[in-house]
Amino acid sequence: MKRLGLLIPFSLILLAQCASGTVMEPAYGTNYFDDEFECTHGPVEQEKNEKYHARRLLWINELNNRGASSPIILAGESTAALFTPELLNEYLPDHKITNRAIPGETTVVFMAALDELVIKHRPKVVILAIGGNDLLGGRCITTILRNTEMILDRIHKKLPGTKVLLVSIPPVVSWKVSSIAGHLNLGFQQLVQRKRFVEYIDLWPHLADEKKPVLDKKYQLFLEDKGKVDQVHFNKEGYRKFAEALEPYL
């Protein structure tokens, strides 16, 4: 297995080794602990997909049609994008928050559009949820962290008075994502310690199962049209817990 570029706690390594001999249920994403796995420093598959980029442009057009922005911008990937204006108003009524997140966003694509999505609106607070799609695509942890740091530094350079709330990769149903999320989140925490303008929002205490490192069943999103549980997103009650995690920092 290719090195992830972080000092990983021994207990997490031991857990991964113990699980390697276990038959696991099919799961969405990349298995970083597969014996044949090698992470990528280059583009992940989604970034090569023309249909994804076409859908993304349509989503951006819709965002631009929603009107003026507010002092707080929520940005990043689908974890943020699915926190709809209705849910934001319901769970965080005392805060004016504009959602400019895009489903499928990676650190690379988000960084390229950072000025349009965030900087030009000059928010006082940016809530950033990013990195999950990079993990789904098998991007190297060191690369995700480097990209995230560049995003944070660019925000601070262009908006020196703006606070950034960096959201953890949440627990999800997919064991492939949940098994590696802790490694990236550890890197996020170490990164935040070096950035006085950034605070870390840990969703795990709010959403994780008490006995297993996955999303608690009561927050799982059931897809009626497909007759199954969504592997990487959570339900409305999960967004209530997301709001609880954010509230003290807003």
C-alpha atoms as a PDB file:
ATOM      1  CA  MET A   1       0.000   0.000   0.000  1.00  0.00           C
ATOM      2  CA  LYS A   2       1.311   3.430  -0.905  1.00  0.00           C
ATOM      3  CA  ARG A   3       2.157   5.663   2.055  1.00  0.00           C
ATOM      4  CA  LEU A   4      -0.474   8.301   2.820  1.00  0.00           C
ATOM      5  CA  GLY A   5       1.994  10.951   3.906  1.00  0.00           C
ATOM      6  CA  LEU A   6       0.689  11.394   7.480  1.00  0.00           C
ATOM      7  CA  LEU A   7       1.676  10.184  10.885  1.00  0.00           C
ATOM      8  CA  ILE A   8      -1.220   7.785  11.381  1.00  0.00           C
ATOM      9  CA  PRO A   9      -2.104   6.625  14.910  1.00  0.00           C
ATOM     10  CA  PHE A  10      -1.090   2.996  15.511  1.00  0.00           C
ATOM     11  CA  SER A  11      -4.631   2.075  16.573  1.00  0.00           C
ATOM     12  CA  LEU A  12      -6.004   3.116  13.177  1.00  0.00           C
ATOM     13  CA  ILE A  13      -3.351   1.118  11.357  1.00  0.00           C
ATOM     14  CA  LEU A  14      -4.111  -1.915  13.492  1.00  0.00           C
ATOM     15  CA  LEU A  15      -7.828  -1.548  12.778  1.00  0.00           C
ATOM     16  CA  ALA A  16      -7.201  -1.482   9.041  1.00  0.00           C
ATOM     17  CA  GLN A  17      -4.942  -4.543   9.260  1.00  0.00           C
ATOM     18  CA  CYS A  18      -7.505  -6.473  11.275  1.00  0.00           C
ATOM     19  CA  ALA A  19     -10.217  -5.627   8.764  1.00  0.00           C
ATOM     20  CA  SER A  20      -8.150  -6.712   5.755  1.00  0.00           C
ATOM     21  CA  GLY A  21      -9.049 -10.375   6.224  1.00  0.00           C
ATOM     22  CA  THR A  22     -12.768  -9.679   6.565  1.00  0.00           C
ATOM     23  CA  VAL A  23     -15.293 -10.045   3.737  1.00  0.00           C
ATOM     24  CA  MET A  24     -16.814  -6.570   3.413  1.00  0.00           C
ATOM     25  CA  GLU A  25     -20.124  -5.592   1.890  1.00  0.00           C
ATOM     26  CA  PRO A  26     -19.959  -3.725  -1.445  1.00  0.00           C
ATOM     27  CA  ALA A  27     -19.480  -0.009  -0.855  1.00  0.00           C
ATOM     28  CA  TYR A  28     -19.236   3.173  -2.897  1.00  0.00           C
ATOM     29  CA  GLY A  29     -15.812   4.753  -3.334  1.00  0.00           C
ATOM     30  CA  THR A  30     -12.156   3.766  -3.272  1.00  0.00           C
ATOM     31  CA  ASN A  31     -10.693   1.260  -0.830  1.00  0.00           C
ATOM     32  CA  TYR A  32      -7.463   2.893   0.318  1.00  0.00           C
ATOM     33  CA  PHE A  33      -6.553  -0.245   2.252  1.00  0.00           C
ATOM     34  CA  ASP A  34      -6.675  -2.634  -0.683  1.00  0.00           C
ATOM     35  CA  ASP A  35      -3.312  -4.367  -1.143  1.00  0.00           C
ATOM     36  CA  GLU A  36      -3.154  -3.177  -4.765  1.00  0.00           C
ATOM     37  CA  PHE A  37      -4.240   0.411  -4.101  1.00  0.00           C
ATOM     38  CA  GLU A  38      -2.076   3.331  -5.195  1.00  0.00           C
ATOM     39  CA  CYS A  39      -3.378   6.835  -4.701  1.00  0.00           C
ATOM     40  CA  THR A  40      -3.317   9.408  -7.490  1.00  0.00           C
ATOM     41  CA  HIS A  41      -1.698  12.833  -7.395  1.00  0.00           C
ATOM     42  CA  GLY A  42      -3.304  13.694 -10.738  1.00  0.00           C
ATOM     43  CA  PRO A  43      -6.927  14.064 -11.885  1.00  0.00           C
ATOM     44  CA  VAL A  44      -9.528  11.687 -10.451  1.00  0.00           C
ATOM     45  CA  GLU A  45     -12.098  10.111 -12.773  1.00  0.00           C
ATOM     46  CA  GLN A  46     -14.841  12.638 -12.051  1.00  0.00           C
ATOM     47  CA  GLU A  47     -12.610  15.515 -13.132  1.00  0.00           C
ATOM     48  CA  LYS A  48     -12.212  13.832 -16.535  1.00  0.00           C
ATOM     49  CA  ASN A  49     -15.975  13.429 -17.018  1.00  0.00           C
ATOM     50  CA  GLU A  50     -17.442  15.938 -19.494  1.00  0.00           C
ATOM     51  CA  LYS A  51     -21.014  15.266 -18.359  1.00  0.00           C
ATOM     52  CA  TYR A  52     -20.045  16.154 -14.788  1.00  0.00           C
ATOM     53  CA  HIS A  53     -18.605  19.494 -15.914  1.00  0.00           C
ATOM     54  CA  ALA A  54     -21.731  20.227 -17.983  1.00  0.00           C
ATOM     55  CA  ARG A  55     -23.991  19.529 -14.973  1.00  0.00           C
ATOM     56  CA  ARG A  56     -21.706  21.642 -12.824  1.00  0.00           C
ATOM     57  CA  LEU A  57     -22.080  24.661 -15.131  1.00  0.00           C
ATOM     58  CA  LEU A  58     -25.863  24.332 -14.969  1.00  0.00           C
ATOM     59  CA  TRP A  59     -25.673  24.240 -11.166  1.00  0.00           C
ATOM     60  CA  ILE A  60     -23.496  27.385 -11.109  1.00  0.00           C
ATOM     61  CA  ASN A  61     -25.989  29.182 -13.359  1.00  0.00           C
ATOM     62  CA  GLU A  62     -28.743  28.276 -10.922  1.00  0.00           C
ATOM     63  CA  LEU A  63     -26.671  29.581  -7.994  1.00  0.00           C
ATOM     64  CA  ASN A  64     -26.089  32.862  -9.820  1.00  0.00           C
ATOM     65  CA  ASN A  65     -29.832  33.229 -10.415  1.00  0.00           C
ATOM     66  CA  ARG A  66     -30.613  33.084  -6.708  1.00  0.00           C
ATOM     67  CA  GLY A  67     -29.667  36.714  -6.152  1.00  0.00           C
ATOM     68  CA  ALA A  68     -27.506  38.525  -3.616  1.00  0.00           C
ATOM     69  CA  SER A  69     -25.183  36.755  -1.228  1.00  0.00           C
ATOM     70  CA  SER A  70     -25.122  37.067   2.558  1.00  0.00           C
ATOM     71  CA  PRO A  71     -22.304  37.582   5.105  1.00  0.00           C
ATOM     72  CA  ILE A  72     -21.956  33.797   5.464  1.00  0.00           C
ATOM     73  CA  ILE A  73     -21.290  31.515   2.496  1.00  0.00           C
ATOM     74  CA  LEU A  74     -21.541  27.727   2.595  1.00  0.00           C
ATOM     75  CA  ALA A  75     -19.305  26.223  -0.077  1.00  0.00           C
ATOM     76  CA  GLY A  76     -17.794  22.965  -1.257  1.00  0.00           C
ATOM     77  CA  GLU A  77     -19.302  19.585  -2.158  1.00  0.00           C
ATOM     78  CA  SER A  78     -22.667  17.823  -1.817  1.00  0.00           C
ATOM     79  CA  THR A  79     -22.445  17.587   1.985  1.00  0.00           C
ATOM     80  CA  ALA A  80     -22.889  21.352   1.870  1.00  0.00           C
ATOM     81  CA  ALA A  81     -24.974  21.570  -1.324  1.00  0.00           C
ATOM     82  CA  LEU A  82     -27.772  19.451   0.170  1.00  0.00           C
ATOM     83  CA  PHE A  83     -28.048  21.844   3.118  1.00  0.00           C
ATOM     84  CA  THR A  84     -30.840  23.630   1.268  1.00  0.00           C
ATOM     85  CA  PRO A  85     -31.961  27.219   1.917  1.00  0.00           C
ATOM     86  CA  GLU A  86     -35.090  25.776   3.539  1.00  0.00           C
ATOM     87  CA  LEU A  87     -33.059  23.658   5.957  1.00  0.00           C
ATOM     88  CA  LEU A  88     -30.680  26.539   6.679  1.00  0.00           C
ATOM     89  CA  ASN A  89     -33.632  28.772   7.545  1.00  0.00           C
ATOM     90  CA  GLU A  90     -35.168  26.075   9.717  1.00  0.00           C
ATOM     91  CA  TYR A  91     -32.073  24.999  11.647  1.00  0.00           C
ATOM     92  CA  LEU A  92     -30.016  28.225  11.665  1.00  0.00           C
ATOM     93  CA  PRO A  93     -32.709  30.937  11.609  1.00  0.00           C
ATOM     94  CA  ASP A  94     -30.539  33.538  13.335  1.00  0.00           C
ATOM     95  CA  HIS A  95     -27.926  33.517  10.559  1.00  0.00           C
ATOM     96  CA  LYS A  96     -28.124  34.650   6.945  1.00  0.00           C
ATOM     97  CA  ILE A  97     -26.315  31.941   4.981  1.00  0.00           C
ATOM     98  CA  THR A  98     -25.984  31.646   1.211  1.00  0.00           C
ATOM     99  CA  ASN A  99     -25.338  28.161  -0.137  1.00  0.00           C
ATOM    100  CA  ARG A 100     -22.905  28.161  -3.081  1.00  0.00           C
ATOM    101  CA  ALA A 101     -21.810  24.529  -2.820  1.00  0.00           C
ATOM    102  CA  ILE A 102     -21.910  22.149  -5.796  1.00  0.00           C
ATOM    103  CA  PRO A 103     -22.495  18.381  -5.793  1.00  0.00           C
ATOM    104  CA  GLY A 104     -19.423  16.463  -6.934  1.00  0.00           C
ATOM    105  CA  GLU A 105     -16.980  19.299  -6.217  1.00  0.00           C
ATOM    106  CA  THR A 106     -13.350  18.300  -5.670  1.00  0.00           C
ATOM    107  CA  THR A 107     -10.537  20.397  -4.231  1.00  0.00           C
ATOM    108  CA  VAL A 108      -9.084  20.869  -7.727  1.00  0.00           C
ATOM    109  CA  VAL A 109     -12.304  22.037  -9.392  1.00  0.00           C
ATOM    110  CA  PHE A 110     -13.331  24.182  -6.444  1.00  0.00           C
ATOM    111  CA  MET A 111      -9.935  25.890  -6.330  1.00  0.00           C
ATOM    112  CA  ALA A 112     -10.244  26.829 -10.015  1.00  0.00           C
ATOM    113  CA  ALA A 113     -13.616  28.512  -9.385  1.00  0.00           C
ATOM    114  CA  LEU A 114     -12.883  29.955  -5.940  1.00  0.00           C
ATOM    115  CA  ASP A 115     -13.059  33.598  -7.035  1.00  0.00           C
ATOM    116  CA  GLU A 116     -16.451  33.168  -8.694  1.00  0.00           C
ATOM    117  CA  LEU A 117     -17.995  30.982  -6.006  1.00  0.00           C
ATOM    118  CA  VAL A 118     -16.676  32.739  -2.910  1.00  0.00           C
ATOM    119  CA  ILE A 119     -14.156  35.589  -3.183  1.00  0.00           C
ATOM    120  CA  LYS A 120     -16.195  38.037  -5.263  1.00  0.00           C
ATOM    121  CA  HIS A 121     -19.026  37.903  -2.721  1.00  0.00           C
ATOM    122  CA  ARG A 122     -16.709  39.053   0.081  1.00  0.00           C
ATOM    123  CA  PRO A 123     -18.294  37.042   2.931  1.00  0.00           C
ATOM    124  CA  LYS A 124     -17.351  37.493   6.563  1.00  0.00           C
ATOM    125  CA  VAL A 125     -17.513  33.734   7.175  1.00  0.00           C
ATOM    126  CA  VAL A 126     -16.948  30.807   4.795  1.00  0.00           C
ATOM    127  CA  ILE A 127     -18.171  27.345   5.779  1.00  0.00           C
ATOM    128  CA  LEU A 128     -16.129  24.929   3.670  1.00  0.00           C
ATOM    129  CA  ALA A 129     -16.964  21.242   3.188  1.00  0.00           C
ATOM    130  CA  ILE A 130     -14.505  19.717   0.723  1.00  0.00           C
ATOM    131  CA  GLY A 131     -12.360  16.613   0.191  1.00  0.00           C
ATOM    132  CA  GLY A 132     -14.963  13.854   0.202  1.00  0.00           C
ATOM    133  CA  ASN A 133     -15.103  13.507  -3.580  1.00  0.00           C
ATOM    134  CA  ASP A 134     -11.318  13.465  -3.687  1.00  0.00           C
ATOM    135  CA  LEU A 135     -11.432  10.454  -1.352  1.00  0.00           C
ATOM    136  CA  LEU A 136     -14.076   8.757  -3.486  1.00  0.00           C
ATOM    137  CA  GLY A 137     -11.735   9.120  -6.452  1.00  0.00           C
ATOM    138  CA  GLY A 138      -8.625   7.840  -4.661  1.00  0.00           C
ATOM    139  CA  ARG A 139      -6.626  11.067  -4.541  1.00  0.00           C
ATOM    140  CA  CYS A 140      -3.549  10.995  -2.293  1.00  0.00           C
ATOM    141  CA  ILE A 141      -4.150  12.386   1.186  1.00  0.00           C
ATOM    142  CA  THR A 142      -1.105  14.619   0.902  1.00  0.00           C
ATOM    143  CA  THR A 143      -2.486  16.125  -2.320  1.00  0.00           C
ATOM    144  CA  ILE A 144      -5.929  16.763  -0.802  1.00  0.00           C
ATOM    145  CA  LEU A 145      -4.310  18.516   2.147  1.00  0.00           C
ATOM    146  CA  ARG A 146      -2.039  20.574  -0.071  1.00  0.00           C
ATOM    147  CA  ASN A 147      -5.001  21.646  -2.228  1.00  0.00           C
ATOM    148  CA  THR A 148      -7.052  22.491   0.854  1.00  0.00           C
ATOM    149  CA  GLU A 149      -4.241  24.598   2.263  1.00  0.00           C
ATOM    150  CA  MET A 150      -3.965  26.501  -1.023  1.00  0.00           C
ATOM    151  CA  ILE A 151      -7.726  27.163  -0.929  1.00  0.00           C
ATOM    152  CA  LEU A 152      -7.528  28.431   2.650  1.00  0.00           C
ATOM    153  CA  ASP A 153      -4.507  30.616   1.934  1.00  0.00           C
ATOM    154  CA  ARG A 154      -6.123  32.145  -1.146  1.00  0.00           C
ATOM    155  CA  ILE A 155      -9.255  33.011   0.798  1.00  0.00           C
ATOM    156  CA  HIS A 156      -7.144  34.637   3.495  1.00  0.00           C
ATOM    157  CA  LYS A 157      -5.011  36.547   0.979  1.00  0.00           C
ATOM    158  CA  LYS A 158      -8.034  37.934  -0.863  1.00  0.00           C
ATOM    159  CA  LEU A 159     -10.248  38.307   2.239  1.00  0.00           C
ATOM    160  CA  PRO A 160      -7.914  38.783   5.228  1.00  0.00           C
ATOM    161  CA  GLY A 161     -10.761  39.548   7.633  1.00  0.00           C
ATOM    162  CA  THR A 162     -12.805  36.470   6.743  1.00  0.00           C
ATOM    163  CA  LYS A 163     -13.099  33.467   9.050  1.00  0.00           C
ATOM    164  CA  VAL A 164     -13.185  29.979   7.543  1.00  0.00           C
ATOM    165  CA  LEU A 165     -14.921  27.014   9.171  1.00  0.00           C
ATOM    166  CA  LEU A 166     -13.387  23.832   7.738  1.00  0.00           C
ATOM    167  CA  VAL A 167     -15.859  20.956   8.050  1.00  0.00           C
ATOM    168  CA  SER A 168     -14.663  17.399   8.626  1.00  0.00           C
ATOM    169  CA  ILE A 169     -15.381  14.541   6.266  1.00  0.00           C
ATOM    170  CA  PRO A 170     -18.479  13.123   8.004  1.00  0.00           C
ATOM    171  CA  PRO A 171     -19.171   9.506   8.883  1.00  0.00           C
ATOM    172  CA  VAL A 172     -21.063   7.830   6.032  1.00  0.00           C
ATOM    173  CA  VAL A 173     -22.609   4.459   5.234  1.00  0.00           C
ATOM    174  CA  SER A 174     -19.841   3.471   2.807  1.00  0.00           C
ATOM    175  CA  TRP A 175     -17.111   1.722   4.807  1.00  0.00           C
ATOM    176  CA  LYS A 176     -14.618   2.688   2.103  1.00  0.00           C
ATOM    177  CA  VAL A 177     -15.111   6.368   2.869  1.00  0.00           C
ATOM    178  CA  SER A 178     -15.518   6.075   6.637  1.00  0.00           C
ATOM    179  CA  SER A 179     -12.381   3.905   6.951  1.00  0.00           C
ATOM    180  CA  ILE A 180     -10.142   6.592   5.424  1.00  0.00           C
ATOM    181  CA  ALA A 181     -12.007   9.741   6.568  1.00  0.00           C
ATOM    182  CA  GLY A 182     -10.234   9.804   9.930  1.00  0.00           C
ATOM    183  CA  HIS A 183      -6.839  10.077   8.247  1.00  0.00           C
ATOM    184  CA  LEU A 184      -7.876  13.098   6.193  1.00  0.00           C
ATOM    185  CA  ASN A 185      -9.649  14.668   9.172  1.00  0.00           C
ATOM    186  CA  LEU A 186      -6.481  14.299  11.244  1.00  0.00           C
ATOM    187  CA  GLY A 187      -4.660  16.193   8.512  1.00  0.00           C
ATOM    188  CA  PHE A 188      -7.370  18.867   8.520  1.00  0.00           C
ATOM    189  CA  GLN A 189      -6.941  19.337  12.266  1.00  0.00           C
ATOM    190  CA  GLN A 190      -3.176  19.666  11.937  1.00  0.00           C
ATOM    191  CA  LEU A 191      -3.668  22.154   9.096  1.00  0.00           C
ATOM    192  CA  VAL A 192      -6.094  24.290  11.096  1.00  0.00           C
ATOM    193  CA  GLN A 193      -3.615  24.536  13.959  1.00  0.00           C
ATOM    194  CA  ARG A 194      -1.331  26.491  11.601  1.00  0.00           C
ATOM    195  CA  LYS A 195      -4.062  28.876  10.413  1.00  0.00           C
ATOM    196  CA  ARG A 196      -5.412  31.359  12.947  1.00  0.00           C
ATOM    197  CA  PHE A 197      -8.245  32.372  10.635  1.00  0.00           C
ATOM    198  CA  VAL A 198      -9.569  28.793  10.351  1.00  0.00           C
ATOM    199  CA  GLU A 199     -11.606  26.712  12.802  1.00  0.00           C
ATOM    200  CA  TYR A 200     -12.314  23.000  12.494  1.00  0.00           C
ATOM    201  CA  ILE A 201     -15.892  21.652  12.658  1.00  0.00           C
ATOM    202  CA  ASP A 202     -15.937  17.961  13.605  1.00  0.00           C
ATOM    203  CA  LEU A 203     -19.156  16.234  12.505  1.00  0.00           C
ATOM    204  CA  TRP A 204     -18.237  12.802  13.878  1.00  0.00           C
ATOM    205  CA  PRO A 205     -19.418  13.362  17.488  1.00  0.00           C
ATOM    206  CA  HIS A 206     -22.763  14.531  16.098  1.00  0.00           C
ATOM    207  CA  LEU A 207     -23.405  11.932  13.377  1.00  0.00           C
ATOM    208  CA  ALA A 208     -21.416   8.758  14.047  1.00  0.00           C
ATOM    209  CA  ASP A 209     -22.812   5.516  15.427  1.00  0.00           C
ATOM    210  CA  GLU A 210     -21.782   5.146  19.082  1.00  0.00           C
ATOM    211  CA  LYS A 211     -20.437   1.635  18.539  1.00  0.00           C
ATOM    212  CA  LYS A 212     -19.207   1.659  14.922  1.00  0.00           C
ATOM    213  CA  PRO A 213     -17.213   4.177  12.842  1.00  0.00           C
ATOM    214  CA  VAL A 214     -20.068   4.825  10.384  1.00  0.00           C
ATOM    215  CA  LEU A 215     -23.073   7.119  10.047  1.00  0.00           C
ATOM    216  CA  ASP A 216     -25.704   6.421  12.704  1.00  0.00           C
ATOM    217  CA  LYS A 217     -28.768   4.704  11.215  1.00  0.00           C
ATOM    218  CA  LYS A 218     -31.101   7.464  12.352  1.00  0.00           C
ATOM    219  CA  TYR A 219     -29.284   9.914  10.074  1.00  0.00           C
ATOM    220  CA  GLN A 220     -29.128   7.683   6.995  1.00  0.00           C
ATOM    221  CA  LEU A 221     -30.863   8.929   3.856  1.00  0.00           C
ATOM    222  CA  PHE A 222     -33.225   6.408   2.277  1.00  0.00           C
ATOM    223  CA  LEU A 223     -33.660   6.858  -1.481  1.00  0.00           C
ATOM    224  CA  GLU A 224     -37.285   6.039  -2.182  1.00  0.00           C
ATOM    225  CA  ASP A 225     -36.851   5.902  -5.965  1.00  0.00           C
ATOM    226  CA  LYS A 226     -33.991   3.408  -5.694  1.00  0.00           C
ATOM    227  CA  GLY A 227     -35.230   1.490  -2.693  1.00  0.00           C
ATOM    228  CA  LYS A 228     -31.934   1.705  -0.843  1.00  0.00           C
ATOM    229  CA  VAL A 229     -29.879   3.815   1.538  1.00  0.00           C
ATOM    230  CA  ASP A 230     -27.626   6.557   0.165  1.00  0.00           C
ATOM    231  CA  GLN A 231     -24.008   5.569   0.816  1.00  0.00           C
ATOM    232  CA  VAL A 232     -22.493   9.020   1.305  1.00  0.00           C
ATOM    233  CA  HIS A 233     -25.210  11.505   2.320  1.00  0.00           C
ATOM    234  CA  PHE A 234     -27.403  12.005   5.370  1.00  0.00           C
ATOM    235  CA  ASN A 235     -31.049  12.879   5.916  1.00  0.00           C
ATOM    236  CA  LYS A 236     -32.857  15.971   7.207  1.00  0.00           C
ATOM    237  CA  GLU A 237     -32.242  14.995  10.811  1.00  0.00           C
ATOM    238  CA  GLY A 238     -28.548  14.738   9.963  1.00  0.00           C
ATOM    239  CA  TYR A 239     -28.608  18.358   8.829  1.00  0.00           C
ATOM    240  CA  ARG A 240     -30.111  19.345  12.152  1.00  0.00           C
ATOM    241  CA  LYS A 241     -27.015  17.834  13.781  1.00  0.00           C
ATOM    242  CA  PHE A 242     -24.805  19.587  11.196  1.00  0.00           C
ATOM    243  CA  ALA A 243     -26.416  22.865  12.262  1.00  0.00           C
ATOM    244  CA  GLU A 244     -25.788  22.081  15.928  1.00  0.00           C
ATOM    245  CA  ALA A 245     -22.108  21.603  15.135  1.00  0.00           C
ATOM    246  CA  LEU A 246     -21.928  24.920  13.285  1.00  0.00           C
ATOM    247  CA  GLU A 247     -23.959  27.117  15.630  1.00  0.00           C
ATOM    248  CA  PRO A 248     -21.256  27.826  18.274  1.00  0.00           C
ATOM    249  CA  TYR A 249     -18.857  29.089  15.576  1.00  0.00           C
ATOM    250  CA  LEU A 250     -21.193  31.455  13.716  1.00  0.00           C
END
